[in-house]
Amino acid sequence: MTDAVDPEDTKIITLARSARARNGVPEGAAVRDETGRTYVATTVTLDSLRLSALRAAVVLAASSGAASLEAAAVVTAAASLPADDLAAVRDLGGAGTPVLLAGPDGALRATIPAS
């Protein structure tokens, strides 16, 4: 990518990357709500519950009272995101909410609208 990344977007990518590394899981995610608060989560794999990092971060934001999302970021080795992940962001943030897809090195690979 040749475009400069907004510092606030760099922050949520960094938070997602740090959480992924700390927990040793496939994905880390962070979302920023309408007030600028951030919520960070990683992949959840329990016998009775499985959540992607992005869906877990959206759950944290919603359960903490966020009314909307400004942006989301996912750090993963995967080349794309499942439709269910984008739907969760869209449900809370709206169709235009940008989802930043970054590699394990933190480099931004794509910005995907939640639509």
PDB file of N, CA and C in Angstrom:
ATOM      1  N   MET A   1       0.836  -1.181   0.000  1.00  0.00           N
ATOM      2  CA  MET A   1       0.000   0.000   0.000  1.00  0.00           C
ATOM      3  C   MET A   1       0.874   1.234   0.000  1.00  0.00           C
ATOM      4  N   THR A   2       0.534   2.161  -0.812  1.00  0.00           N
ATOM      5  CA  THR A   2       1.319   3.379  -0.873  1.00  0.00           C
ATOM      6  C   THR A   2       0.700   4.499  -0.048  1.00  0.00           C
ATOM      7  N   ASP A   3      -0.565   4.403   0.278  1.00  0.00           N
ATOM      8  CA  ASP A   3      -1.225   5.439   1.059  1.00  0.00           C
ATOM      9  C   ASP A   3      -0.793   5.354   2.517  1.00  0.00           C
ATOM     10  N   ALA A   4      -0.664   6.526   3.136  1.00  0.00           N
ATOM     11  CA  ALA A   4      -0.325   6.566   4.554  1.00  0.00           C
ATOM     12  C   ALA A   4      -1.527   6.085   5.366  1.00  0.00           C
ATOM     13  N   VAL A   5      -1.247   5.361   6.426  1.00  0.00           N
ATOM     14  CA  VAL A   5      -2.306   4.858   7.294  1.00  0.00           C
ATOM     15  C   VAL A   5      -2.533   5.874   8.405  1.00  0.00           C
ATOM     16  N   ASP A   6      -3.792   6.182   8.678  1.00  0.00           N
ATOM     17  CA  ASP A   6      -4.163   7.101   9.744  1.00  0.00           C
ATOM     18  C   ASP A   6      -3.581   6.599  11.071  1.00  0.00           C
ATOM     19  N   PRO A   7      -3.043   7.488  11.900  1.00  0.00           N
ATOM     20  CA  PRO A   7      -2.457   7.056  13.178  1.00  0.00           C
ATOM     21  C   PRO A   7      -3.435   6.281  14.072  1.00  0.00           C
ATOM     22  N   GLU A   8      -4.705   6.652  14.054  1.00  0.00           N
ATOM     23  CA  GLU A   8      -5.689   5.926  14.864  1.00  0.00           C
ATOM     24  C   GLU A   8      -5.905   4.517  14.328  1.00  0.00           C
ATOM     25  N   ASP A   9      -5.803   4.348  13.015  1.00  0.00           N
ATOM     26  CA  ASP A   9      -5.908   3.011  12.426  1.00  0.00           C
ATOM     27  C   ASP A   9      -4.656   2.190  12.722  1.00  0.00           C
ATOM     28  N   THR A  10      -3.508   2.837  12.690  1.00  0.00           N
ATOM     29  CA  THR A  10      -2.265   2.153  13.055  1.00  0.00           C
ATOM     30  C   THR A  10      -2.348   1.643  14.489  1.00  0.00           C
ATOM     31  N   LYS A  11      -2.963   2.430  15.361  1.00  0.00           N
ATOM     32  CA  LYS A  11      -3.108   2.040  16.764  1.00  0.00           C
ATOM     33  C   LYS A  11      -3.913   0.753  16.898  1.00  0.00           C
ATOM     34  N   ILE A  12      -5.049   0.641  16.201  1.00  0.00           N
ATOM     35  CA  ILE A  12      -5.847  -0.576  16.379  1.00  0.00           C
ATOM     36  C   ILE A  12      -5.182  -1.785  15.719  1.00  0.00           C
ATOM     37  N   ILE A  13      -4.426  -1.559  14.651  1.00  0.00           N
ATOM     38  CA  ILE A  13      -3.658  -2.666  14.063  1.00  0.00           C
ATOM     39  C   ILE A  13      -2.604  -3.146  15.064  1.00  0.00           C
ATOM     40  N   THR A  14      -1.911  -2.207  15.703  1.00  0.00           N
ATOM     41  CA  THR A  14      -0.883  -2.551  16.686  1.00  0.00           C
ATOM     42  C   THR A  14      -1.482  -3.296  17.877  1.00  0.00           C
ATOM     43  N   LEU A  15      -2.629  -2.836  18.361  1.00  0.00           N
ATOM     44  CA  LEU A  15      -3.292  -3.519  19.475  1.00  0.00           C
ATOM     45  C   LEU A  15      -3.691  -4.943  19.091  1.00  0.00           C
ATOM     46  N   ALA A  16      -4.231  -5.106  17.898  1.00  0.00           N
ATOM     47  CA  ALA A  16      -4.634  -6.436  17.427  1.00  0.00           C
ATOM     48  C   ALA A  16      -3.425  -7.356  17.280  1.00  0.00           C
ATOM     49  N   ARG A  17      -2.356  -6.817  16.737  1.00  0.00           N
ATOM     50  CA  ARG A  17      -1.137  -7.610  16.541  1.00  0.00           C
ATOM     51  C   ARG A  17      -0.546  -8.044  17.886  1.00  0.00           C
ATOM     52  N   SER A  18      -0.518  -7.134  18.840  1.00  0.00           N
ATOM     53  CA  SER A  18       0.028  -7.450  20.168  1.00  0.00           C
ATOM     54  C   SER A  18      -0.792  -8.525  20.866  1.00  0.00           C
ATOM     55  N   ALA A  19      -2.116  -8.423  20.785  1.00  0.00           N
ATOM     56  CA  ALA A  19      -2.982  -9.419  21.423  1.00  0.00           C
ATOM     57  C   ALA A  19      -2.785 -10.788  20.783  1.00  0.00           C
ATOM     58  N   ARG A  20      -2.682 -10.825  19.456  1.00  0.00           N
ATOM     59  CA  ARG A  20      -2.460 -12.084  18.732  1.00  0.00           C
ATOM     60  C   ARG A  20      -1.155 -12.738  19.190  1.00  0.00           C
ATOM     61  N   ALA A  21      -0.098 -11.951  19.262  1.00  0.00           N
ATOM     62  CA  ALA A  21       1.207 -12.483  19.667  1.00  0.00           C
ATOM     63  C   ALA A  21       1.195 -12.938  21.127  1.00  0.00           C
ATOM     64  N   ARG A  22       0.593 -12.144  21.981  1.00  0.00           N
ATOM     65  CA  ARG A  22       0.563 -12.456  23.418  1.00  0.00           C
ATOM     66  C   ARG A  22      -0.168 -13.772  23.687  1.00  0.00           C
ATOM     67  N   ASN A  23      -1.269 -14.007  22.965  1.00  0.00           N
ATOM     68  CA  ASN A  23      -2.075 -15.202  23.213  1.00  0.00           C
ATOM     69  C   ASN A  23      -1.708 -16.382  22.321  1.00  0.00           C
ATOM     70  N   GLY A  24      -0.841 -16.159  21.350  1.00  0.00           N
ATOM     71  CA  GLY A  24      -0.414 -17.240  20.469  1.00  0.00           C
ATOM     72  C   GLY A  24      -1.553 -17.864  19.681  1.00  0.00           C
ATOM     73  N   VAL A  25      -2.424 -17.024  19.151  1.00  0.00           N
ATOM     74  CA  VAL A  25      -3.609 -17.487  18.415  1.00  0.00           C
ATOM     75  C   VAL A  25      -3.556 -17.021  16.961  1.00  0.00           C
ATOM     76  N   PRO A  26      -4.408 -17.585  16.098  1.00  0.00           N
ATOM     77  CA  PRO A  26      -4.357 -17.235  14.676  1.00  0.00           C
ATOM     78  C   PRO A  26      -4.728 -15.791  14.349  1.00  0.00           C
ATOM     79  N   GLU A  27      -5.597 -15.181  15.160  1.00  0.00           N
ATOM     80  CA  GLU A  27      -6.078 -13.831  14.853  1.00  0.00           C
ATOM     81  C   GLU A  27      -6.102 -12.941  16.085  1.00  0.00           C
ATOM     82  N   GLY A  28      -5.850 -11.674  15.847  1.00  0.00           N
ATOM     83  CA  GLY A  28      -6.079 -10.638  16.837  1.00  0.00           C
ATOM     84  C   GLY A  28      -6.917  -9.571  16.164  1.00  0.00           C
ATOM     85  N   ALA A  29      -7.794  -8.930  16.915  1.00  0.00           N
ATOM     86  CA  ALA A  29      -8.638  -7.886  16.332  1.00  0.00           C
ATOM     87  C   ALA A  29      -8.832  -6.765  17.332  1.00  0.00           C
ATOM     88  N   ALA A  30      -9.113  -5.594  16.796  1.00  0.00           N
ATOM     89  CA  ALA A  30      -9.453  -4.443  17.624  1.00  0.00           C
ATOM     90  C   ALA A  30     -10.487  -3.625  16.875  1.00  0.00           C
ATOM     91  N   VAL A  31     -11.405  -3.046  17.622  1.00  0.00           N
ATOM     92  CA  VAL A  31     -12.395  -2.141  17.041  1.00  0.00           C
ATOM     93  C   VAL A  31     -12.359  -0.830  17.807  1.00  0.00           C
ATOM     94  N   ARG A  32     -12.723   0.251  17.114  1.00  0.00           N
ATOM     95  CA  ARG A  32     -12.790   1.584  17.727  1.00  0.00           C
ATOM     96  C   ARG A  32     -14.234   2.054  17.637  1.00  0.00           C
ATOM     97  N   ASP A  33     -14.797   2.474  18.762  1.00  0.00           N
ATOM     98  CA  ASP A  33     -16.192   2.910  18.748  1.00  0.00           C
ATOM     99  C   ASP A  33     -16.312   4.396  18.432  1.00  0.00           C
ATOM    100  N   GLU A  34     -17.537   4.882  18.472  1.00  0.00           N
ATOM    101  CA  GLU A  34     -17.833   6.265  18.083  1.00  0.00           C
ATOM    102  C   GLU A  34     -17.215   7.299  19.015  1.00  0.00           C
ATOM    103  N   THR A  35     -16.789   6.897  20.203  1.00  0.00           N
ATOM    104  CA  THR A  35     -16.159   7.831  21.137  1.00  0.00           C
ATOM    105  C   THR A  35     -14.637   7.720  21.125  1.00  0.00           C
ATOM    106  N   GLY A  36     -14.116   6.783  20.326  1.00  0.00           N
ATOM    107  CA  GLY A  36     -12.674   6.583  20.258  1.00  0.00           C
ATOM    108  C   GLY A  36     -12.152   5.484  21.160  1.00  0.00           C
ATOM    109  N   ARG A  37     -13.035   4.871  21.952  1.00  0.00           N
ATOM    110  CA  ARG A  37     -12.601   3.755  22.803  1.00  0.00           C
ATOM    111  C   ARG A  37     -12.277   2.550  21.933  1.00  0.00           C
ATOM    112  N   THR A  38     -11.310   1.766  22.380  1.00  0.00           N
ATOM    113  CA  THR A  38     -10.929   0.569  21.630  1.00  0.00           C
ATOM    114  C   THR A  38     -11.220  -0.682  22.445  1.00  0.00           C
ATOM    115  N   TYR A  39     -11.520  -1.743  21.713  1.00  0.00           N
ATOM    116  CA  TYR A  39     -11.812  -3.041  22.305  1.00  0.00           C
ATOM    117  C   TYR A  39     -10.981  -4.060  21.545  1.00  0.00           C
ATOM    118  N   VAL A  40     -10.259  -4.898  22.270  1.00  0.00           N
ATOM    119  CA  VAL A  40      -9.307  -5.826  21.662  1.00  0.00           C
ATOM    120  C   VAL A  40      -9.676  -7.252  22.056  1.00  0.00           C
ATOM    121  N   ALA A  41      -9.568  -8.163  21.097  1.00  0.00           N
ATOM    122  CA  ALA A  41      -9.877  -9.568  21.367  1.00  0.00           C
ATOM    123  C   ALA A  41      -9.039 -10.460  20.460  1.00  0.00           C
ATOM    124  N   THR A  42      -9.006 -11.728  20.808  1.00  0.00           N
ATOM    125  CA  THR A  42      -8.334 -12.726  19.978  1.00  0.00           C
ATOM    126  C   THR A  42      -9.306 -13.869  19.704  1.00  0.00           C
ATOM    127  N   THR A  43      -8.867 -14.768  18.862  1.00  0.00           N
ATOM    128  CA  THR A  43      -9.653 -15.952  18.549  1.00  0.00           C
ATOM    129  C   THR A  43     -10.021 -16.680  19.842  1.00  0.00           C
ATOM    130  N   VAL A  44     -11.286 -17.094  19.953  1.00  0.00           N
ATOM    131  CA  VAL A  44     -11.760 -17.858  21.103  1.00  0.00           C
ATOM    132  C   VAL A  44     -12.096 -19.263  20.614  1.00  0.00           C
ATOM    133  N   THR A  45     -11.421 -20.255  21.196  1.00  0.00           N
ATOM    134  CA  THR A  45     -11.671 -21.644  20.812  1.00  0.00           C
ATOM    135  C   THR A  45     -11.859 -22.471  22.080  1.00  0.00           C
ATOM    136  N   LEU A  46     -13.107 -22.599  22.481  1.00  0.00           N
ATOM    137  CA  LEU A  46     -13.480 -23.421  23.628  1.00  0.00           C
ATOM    138  C   LEU A  46     -14.317 -24.589  23.118  1.00  0.00           C
ATOM    139  N   ASP A  47     -14.484 -25.600  23.943  1.00  0.00           N
ATOM    140  CA  ASP A  47     -15.312 -26.728  23.519  1.00  0.00           C
ATOM    141  C   ASP A  47     -16.722 -26.278  23.145  1.00  0.00           C
ATOM    142  N   SER A  48     -17.260 -25.333  23.901  1.00  0.00           N
ATOM    143  CA  SER A  48     -18.648 -24.925  23.684  1.00  0.00           C
ATOM    144  C   SER A  48     -18.804 -23.585  22.963  1.00  0.00           C
ATOM    145  N   LEU A  49     -17.701 -22.924  22.618  1.00  0.00           N
ATOM    146  CA  LEU A  49     -17.795 -21.599  22.002  1.00  0.00           C
ATOM    147  C   LEU A  49     -16.611 -21.349  21.087  1.00  0.00           C
ATOM    148  N   ARG A  50     -16.909 -20.928  19.880  1.00  0.00           N
ATOM    149  CA  ARG A  50     -15.862 -20.563  18.920  1.00  0.00           C
ATOM    150  C   ARG A  50     -16.224 -19.211  18.325  1.00  0.00           C
ATOM    151  N   LEU A  51     -15.295 -18.272  18.456  1.00  0.00           N
ATOM    152  CA  LEU A  51     -15.486 -16.933  17.898  1.00  0.00           C
ATOM    153  C   LEU A  51     -14.204 -16.494  17.218  1.00  0.00           C
ATOM    154  N   SER A  52     -14.357 -15.848  16.088  1.00  0.00           N
ATOM    155  CA  SER A  52     -13.193 -15.209  15.475  1.00  0.00           C
ATOM    156  C   SER A  52     -12.806 -14.027  16.348  1.00  0.00           C
ATOM    157  N   ALA A  53     -11.611 -13.553  16.171  1.00  0.00           N
ATOM    158  CA  ALA A  53     -11.154 -12.394  16.939  1.00  0.00           C
ATOM    159  C   ALA A  53     -12.024 -11.175  16.662  1.00  0.00           C
ATOM    160  N   LEU A  54     -12.410 -10.980  15.406  1.00  0.00           N
ATOM    161  CA  LEU A  54     -13.212  -9.803  15.062  1.00  0.00           C
ATOM    162  C   LEU A  54     -14.595  -9.872  15.695  1.00  0.00           C
ATOM    163  N   ARG A  55     -15.237 -11.014  15.625  1.00  0.00           N
ATOM    164  CA  ARG A  55     -16.556 -11.130  16.262  1.00  0.00           C
ATOM    165  C   ARG A  55     -16.445 -10.962  17.774  1.00  0.00           C
ATOM    166  N   ALA A  56     -15.370 -11.477  18.376  1.00  0.00           N
ATOM    167  CA  ALA A  56     -15.177 -11.307  19.819  1.00  0.00           C
ATOM    168  C   ALA A  56     -14.993  -9.832  20.175  1.00  0.00           C
ATOM    169  N   ALA A  57     -14.255  -9.087  19.353  1.00  0.00           N
ATOM    170  CA  ALA A  57     -14.060  -7.655  19.611  1.00  0.00           C
ATOM    171  C   ALA A  57     -15.371  -6.888  19.476  1.00  0.00           C
ATOM    172  N   VAL A  58     -16.189  -7.253  18.495  1.00  0.00           N
ATOM    173  CA  VAL A  58     -17.496  -6.607  18.331  1.00  0.00           C
ATOM    174  C   VAL A  58     -18.379  -6.907  19.542  1.00  0.00           C
ATOM    175  N   VAL A  59     -18.344  -8.137  20.035  1.00  0.00           N
ATOM    176  CA  VAL A  59     -19.107  -8.498  21.233  1.00  0.00           C
ATOM    177  C   VAL A  59     -18.661  -7.648  22.419  1.00  0.00           C
ATOM    178  N   LEU A  60     -17.358  -7.482  22.598  1.00  0.00           N
ATOM    179  CA  LEU A  60     -16.854  -6.647  23.698  1.00  0.00           C
ATOM    180  C   LEU A  60     -17.369  -5.219  23.584  1.00  0.00           C
ATOM    181  N   ALA A  61     -17.314  -4.661  22.383  1.00  0.00           N
ATOM    182  CA  ALA A  61     -17.777  -3.285  22.180  1.00  0.00           C
ATOM    183  C   ALA A  61     -19.271  -3.170  22.472  1.00  0.00           C
ATOM    184  N   ALA A  62     -20.053  -4.072  21.913  1.00  0.00           N
ATOM    185  CA  ALA A  62     -21.503  -4.018  22.108  1.00  0.00           C
ATOM    186  C   ALA A  62     -21.877  -4.203  23.575  1.00  0.00           C
ATOM    187  N   SER A  63     -21.224  -5.137  24.247  1.00  0.00           N
ATOM    188  CA  SER A  63     -21.560  -5.392  25.650  1.00  0.00           C
ATOM    189  C   SER A  63     -21.048  -4.304  26.584  1.00  0.00           C
ATOM    190  N   SER A  64     -20.167  -3.447  26.074  1.00  0.00           N
ATOM    191  CA  SER A  64     -19.673  -2.312  26.859  1.00  0.00           C
ATOM    192  C   SER A  64     -20.457  -1.038  26.573  1.00  0.00           C
ATOM    193  N   GLY A  65     -21.458  -1.132  25.706  1.00  0.00           N
ATOM    194  CA  GLY A  65     -22.323   0.011  25.453  1.00  0.00           C
ATOM    195  C   GLY A  65     -22.003   0.828  24.220  1.00  0.00           C
ATOM    196  N   ALA A  66     -21.096   0.371  23.376  1.00  0.00           N
ATOM    197  CA  ALA A  66     -20.793   1.117  22.149  1.00  0.00           C
ATOM    198  C   ALA A  66     -22.048   1.203  21.289  1.00  0.00           C
ATOM    199  N   ALA A  67     -22.318   2.384  20.771  1.00  0.00           N
ATOM    200  CA  ALA A  67     -23.482   2.581  19.909  1.00  0.00           C
ATOM    201  C   ALA A  67     -23.145   2.371  18.444  1.00  0.00           C
ATOM    202  N   SER A  68     -21.864   2.503  18.102  1.00  0.00           N
ATOM    203  CA  SER A  68     -21.431   2.391  16.713  1.00  0.00           C
ATOM    204  C   SER A  68     -19.933   2.110  16.680  1.00  0.00           C
ATOM    205  N   LEU A  69     -19.443   1.739  15.506  1.00  0.00           N
ATOM    206  CA  LEU A  69     -18.010   1.538  15.310  1.00  0.00           C
ATOM    207  C   LEU A  69     -17.499   2.495  14.252  1.00  0.00           C
ATOM    208  N   GLU A  70     -16.298   3.019  14.478  1.00  0.00           N
ATOM    209  CA  GLU A  70     -15.624   3.854  13.476  1.00  0.00           C
ATOM    210  C   GLU A  70     -14.752   3.015  12.565  1.00  0.00           C
ATOM    211  N   ALA A  71     -14.117   1.973  13.116  1.00  0.00           N
ATOM    212  CA  ALA A  71     -13.194   1.148  12.332  1.00  0.00           C
ATOM    213  C   ALA A  71     -12.924  -0.147  13.077  1.00  0.00           C
ATOM    214  N   ALA A  72     -12.431  -1.123  12.314  1.00  0.00           N
ATOM    215  CA  ALA A  72     -12.038  -2.412  12.877  1.00  0.00           C
ATOM    216  C   ALA A  72     -10.742  -2.840  12.211  1.00  0.00           C
ATOM    217  N   ALA A  73      -9.964  -3.649  12.913  1.00  0.00           N
ATOM    218  CA  ALA A  73      -8.717  -4.178  12.350  1.00  0.00           C
ATOM    219  C   ALA A  73      -8.573  -5.637  12.742  1.00  0.00           C
ATOM    220  N   VAL A  74      -8.067  -6.429  11.808  1.00  0.00           N
ATOM    221  CA  VAL A  74      -7.786  -7.837  12.062  1.00  0.00           C
ATOM    222  C   VAL A  74      -6.365  -8.122  11.611  1.00  0.00           C
ATOM    223  N   VAL A  75      -5.600  -8.779  12.470  1.00  0.00           N
ATOM    224  CA  VAL A  75      -4.255  -9.235  12.111  1.00  0.00           C
ATOM    225  C   VAL A  75      -4.325 -10.748  12.008  1.00  0.00           C
ATOM    226  N   THR A  76      -3.999 -11.250  10.824  1.00  0.00           N
ATOM    227  CA  THR A  76      -4.132 -12.675  10.543  1.00  0.00           C
ATOM    228  C   THR A  76      -3.260 -13.055   9.353  1.00  0.00           C
ATOM    229  N   ALA A  77      -2.967 -14.330   9.247  1.00  0.00           N
ATOM    230  CA  ALA A  77      -2.269 -14.824   8.063  1.00  0.00           C
ATOM    231  C   ALA A  77      -3.243 -15.110   6.927  1.00  0.00           C
ATOM    232  N   ALA A  78      -4.528 -15.138   7.224  1.00  0.00           N
ATOM    233  CA  ALA A  78      -5.547 -15.413   6.207  1.00  0.00           C
ATOM    234  C   ALA A  78      -5.584 -14.296   5.165  1.00  0.00           C
ATOM    235  N   ALA A  79      -5.932 -14.672   3.950  1.00  0.00           N
ATOM    236  CA  ALA A  79      -5.971 -13.707   2.844  1.00  0.00           C
ATOM    237  C   ALA A  79      -7.273 -12.920   2.783  1.00  0.00           C
ATOM    238  N   SER A  80      -8.300 -13.398   3.477  1.00  0.00           N
ATOM    239  CA  SER A  80      -9.596 -12.721   3.447  1.00  0.00           C
ATOM    240  C   SER A  80     -10.310 -12.960   4.769  1.00  0.00           C
ATOM    241  N   LEU A  81     -11.452 -12.301   4.924  1.00  0.00           N
ATOM    242  CA  LEU A  81     -12.242 -12.445   6.145  1.00  0.00           C
ATOM    243  C   LEU A  81     -13.577 -13.102   5.821  1.00  0.00           C
ATOM    244  N   PRO A  82     -14.078 -13.937   6.723  1.00  0.00           N
ATOM    245  CA  PRO A  82     -15.383 -14.564   6.498  1.00  0.00           C
ATOM    246  C   PRO A  82     -16.509 -13.526   6.476  1.00  0.00           C
ATOM    247  N   ALA A  83     -17.547 -13.825   5.733  1.00  0.00           N
ATOM    248  CA  ALA A  83     -18.704 -12.930   5.637  1.00  0.00           C
ATOM    249  C   ALA A  83     -19.330 -12.678   7.004  1.00  0.00           C
ATOM    250  N   ASP A  84     -19.332 -13.685   7.893  1.00  0.00           N
ATOM    251  CA  ASP A  84     -19.906 -13.514   9.230  1.00  0.00           C
ATOM    252  C   ASP A  84     -19.159 -12.456  10.033  1.00  0.00           C
ATOM    253  N   ASP A  85     -17.852 -12.371   9.847  1.00  0.00           N
ATOM    254  CA  ASP A  85     -17.069 -11.352  10.547  1.00  0.00           C
ATOM    255  C   ASP A  85     -17.466  -9.957  10.075  1.00  0.00           C
ATOM    256  N   LEU A  86     -17.558  -9.786   8.768  1.00  0.00           N
ATOM    257  CA  LEU A  86     -17.942  -8.486   8.213  1.00  0.00           C
ATOM    258  C   LEU A  86     -19.369  -8.130   8.621  1.00  0.00           C
ATOM    259  N   ALA A  87     -20.247  -9.122   8.696  1.00  0.00           N
ATOM    260  CA  ALA A  87     -21.631  -8.877   9.106  1.00  0.00           C
ATOM    261  C   ALA A  87     -21.698  -8.351  10.537  1.00  0.00           C
ATOM    262  N   ALA A  88     -20.868  -8.879  11.419  1.00  0.00           N
ATOM    263  CA  ALA A  88     -20.864  -8.410  12.810  1.00  0.00           C
ATOM    264  C   ALA A  88     -20.460  -6.942  12.883  1.00  0.00           C
ATOM    265  N   VAL A  89     -19.448  -6.564  12.115  1.00  0.00           N
ATOM    266  CA  VAL A  89     -19.023  -5.157  12.078  1.00  0.00           C
ATOM    267  C   VAL A  89     -20.138  -4.298  11.498  1.00  0.00           C
ATOM    268  N   ARG A  90     -20.751  -4.757  10.431  1.00  0.00           N
ATOM    269  CA  ARG A  90     -21.838  -4.012   9.779  1.00  0.00           C
ATOM    270  C   ARG A  90     -23.013  -3.821  10.738  1.00  0.00           C
ATOM    271  N   ASP A  91     -23.342  -4.854  11.510  1.00  0.00           N
ATOM    272  CA  ASP A  91     -24.470  -4.766  12.438  1.00  0.00           C
ATOM    273  C   ASP A  91     -24.293  -3.656  13.466  1.00  0.00           C
ATOM    274  N   LEU A  92     -23.081  -3.457  13.938  1.00  0.00           N
ATOM    275  CA  LEU A  92     -22.842  -2.424  14.950  1.00  0.00           C
ATOM    276  C   LEU A  92     -22.378  -1.111  14.339  1.00  0.00           C
ATOM    277  N   GLY A  93     -21.598  -1.172  13.276  1.00  0.00           N
ATOM    278  CA  GLY A  93     -21.001   0.043  12.737  1.00  0.00           C
ATOM    279  C   GLY A  93     -21.616   0.581  11.469  1.00  0.00           C
ATOM    280  N   GLY A  94     -22.359  -0.240  10.757  1.00  0.00           N
ATOM    281  CA  GLY A  94     -22.922   0.178   9.481  1.00  0.00           C
ATOM    282  C   GLY A  94     -22.086  -0.334   8.323  1.00  0.00           C
ATOM    283  N   ALA A  95     -22.686  -0.302   7.145  1.00  0.00           N
ATOM    284  CA  ALA A  95     -22.070  -0.885   5.949  1.00  0.00           C
ATOM    285  C   ALA A  95     -20.767  -0.211   5.543  1.00  0.00           C
ATOM    286  N   GLY A  96     -20.593   1.043   5.870  1.00  0.00           N
ATOM    287  CA  GLY A  96     -19.390   1.761   5.459  1.00  0.00           C
ATOM    288  C   GLY A  96     -18.217   1.662   6.413  1.00  0.00           C
ATOM    289  N   THR A  97     -18.374   0.934   7.500  1.00  0.00           N
ATOM    290  CA  THR A  97     -17.294   0.826   8.479  1.00  0.00           C
ATOM    291  C   THR A  97     -16.094   0.117   7.857  1.00  0.00           C
ATOM    292  N   PRO A  98     -14.921   0.755   7.865  1.00  0.00           N
ATOM    293  CA  PRO A  98     -13.746   0.107   7.280  1.00  0.00           C
ATOM    294  C   PRO A  98     -13.189  -0.991   8.183  1.00  0.00           C
ATOM    295  N   VAL A  99     -12.850  -2.110   7.554  1.00  0.00           N
ATOM    296  CA  VAL A  99     -12.199  -3.216   8.252  1.00  0.00           C
ATOM    297  C   VAL A  99     -10.799  -3.338   7.663  1.00  0.00           C
ATOM    298  N   LEU A 100      -9.803  -3.103   8.487  1.00  0.00           N
ATOM    299  CA  LEU A 100      -8.406  -3.131   8.061  1.00  0.00           C
ATOM    300  C   LEU A 100      -7.873  -4.548   8.212  1.00  0.00           C
ATOM    301  N   LEU A 101      -7.416  -5.125   7.130  1.00  0.00           N
ATOM    302  CA  LEU A 101      -6.861  -6.476   7.148  1.00  0.00           C
ATOM    303  C   LEU A 101      -5.348  -6.366   7.077  1.00  0.00           C
ATOM    304  N   ALA A 102      -4.683  -6.821   8.144  1.00  0.00           N
ATOM    305  CA  ALA A 102      -3.220  -6.733   8.218  1.00  0.00           C
ATOM    306  C   ALA A 102      -2.625  -8.122   8.390  1.00  0.00           C
ATOM    307  N   GLY A 103      -1.408  -8.276   7.908  1.00  0.00           N
ATOM    308  CA  GLY A 103      -0.688  -9.533   8.060  1.00  0.00           C
ATOM    309  C   GLY A 103      -0.067  -9.640   9.439  1.00  0.00           C
ATOM    310  N   PRO A 104       0.504 -10.790   9.768  1.00  0.00           N
ATOM    311  CA  PRO A 104       1.138 -10.989  11.069  1.00  0.00           C
ATOM    312  C   PRO A 104       2.244  -9.975  11.376  1.00  0.00           C
ATOM    313  N   ASP A 105       2.839  -9.399  10.336  1.00  0.00           N
ATOM    314  CA  ASP A 105       3.867  -8.377  10.534  1.00  0.00           C
ATOM    315  C   ASP A 105       3.276  -6.998  10.802  1.00  0.00           C
ATOM    316  N   GLY A 106       1.956  -6.883  10.764  1.00  0.00           N
ATOM    317  CA  GLY A 106       1.283  -5.619  11.006  1.00  0.00           C
ATOM    318  C   GLY A 106       1.108  -4.762   9.772  1.00  0.00           C
ATOM    319  N   ALA A 107       1.599  -5.219   8.638  1.00  0.00           N
ATOM    320  CA  ALA A 107       1.461  -4.445   7.398  1.00  0.00           C
ATOM    321  C   ALA A 107       0.023  -4.526   6.890  1.00  0.00           C
ATOM    322  N   LEU A 108      -0.544  -3.367   6.590  1.00  0.00           N
ATOM    323  CA  LEU A 108      -1.905  -3.302   6.065  1.00  0.00           C
ATOM    324  C   LEU A 108      -1.937  -3.901   4.667  1.00  0.00           C
ATOM    325  N   ARG A 109      -2.792  -4.898   4.477  1.00  0.00           N
ATOM    326  CA  ARG A 109      -2.925  -5.545   3.168  1.00  0.00           C
ATOM    327  C   ARG A 109      -4.150  -5.073   2.407  1.00  0.00           C
ATOM    328  N   ALA A 110      -5.216  -4.728   3.133  1.00  0.00           N
ATOM    329  CA  ALA A 110      -6.447  -4.300   2.470  1.00  0.00           C
ATOM    330  C   ALA A 110      -7.332  -3.567   3.457  1.00  0.00           C
ATOM    331  N   THR A 111      -8.161  -2.690   2.929  1.00  0.00           N
ATOM    332  CA  THR A 111      -9.229  -2.068   3.694  1.00  0.00           C
ATOM    333  C   THR A 111     -10.529  -2.501   3.030  1.00  0.00           C
ATOM    334  N   ILE A 112     -11.361  -3.178   3.804  1.00  0.00           N
ATOM    335  CA  ILE A 112     -12.580  -3.782   3.280  1.00  0.00           C
ATOM    336  C   ILE A 112     -13.781  -3.093   3.918  1.00  0.00           C
ATOM    337  N   PRO A 113     -14.747  -2.623   3.135  1.00  0.00           N
ATOM    338  CA  PRO A 113     -15.960  -2.088   3.755  1.00  0.00           C
ATOM    339  C   PRO A 113     -16.763  -3.227   4.372  1.00  0.00           C
ATOM    340  N   ALA A 114     -17.442  -2.953   5.464  1.00  0.00           N
ATOM    341  CA  ALA A 114     -18.215  -3.990   6.150  1.00  0.00           C
ATOM    342  C   ALA A 114     -19.464  -4.389   5.375  1.00  0.00           C
ATOM    343  N   SER A 115     -19.736  -3.742   4.269  1.00  0.00           N
ATOM    344  CA  SER A 115     -20.964  -4.020   3.497  1.00  0.00           C
ATOM    345  C   SER A 115     -21.038  -5.424   2.963  1.00  0.00           C
TER     346      SER A 115
END
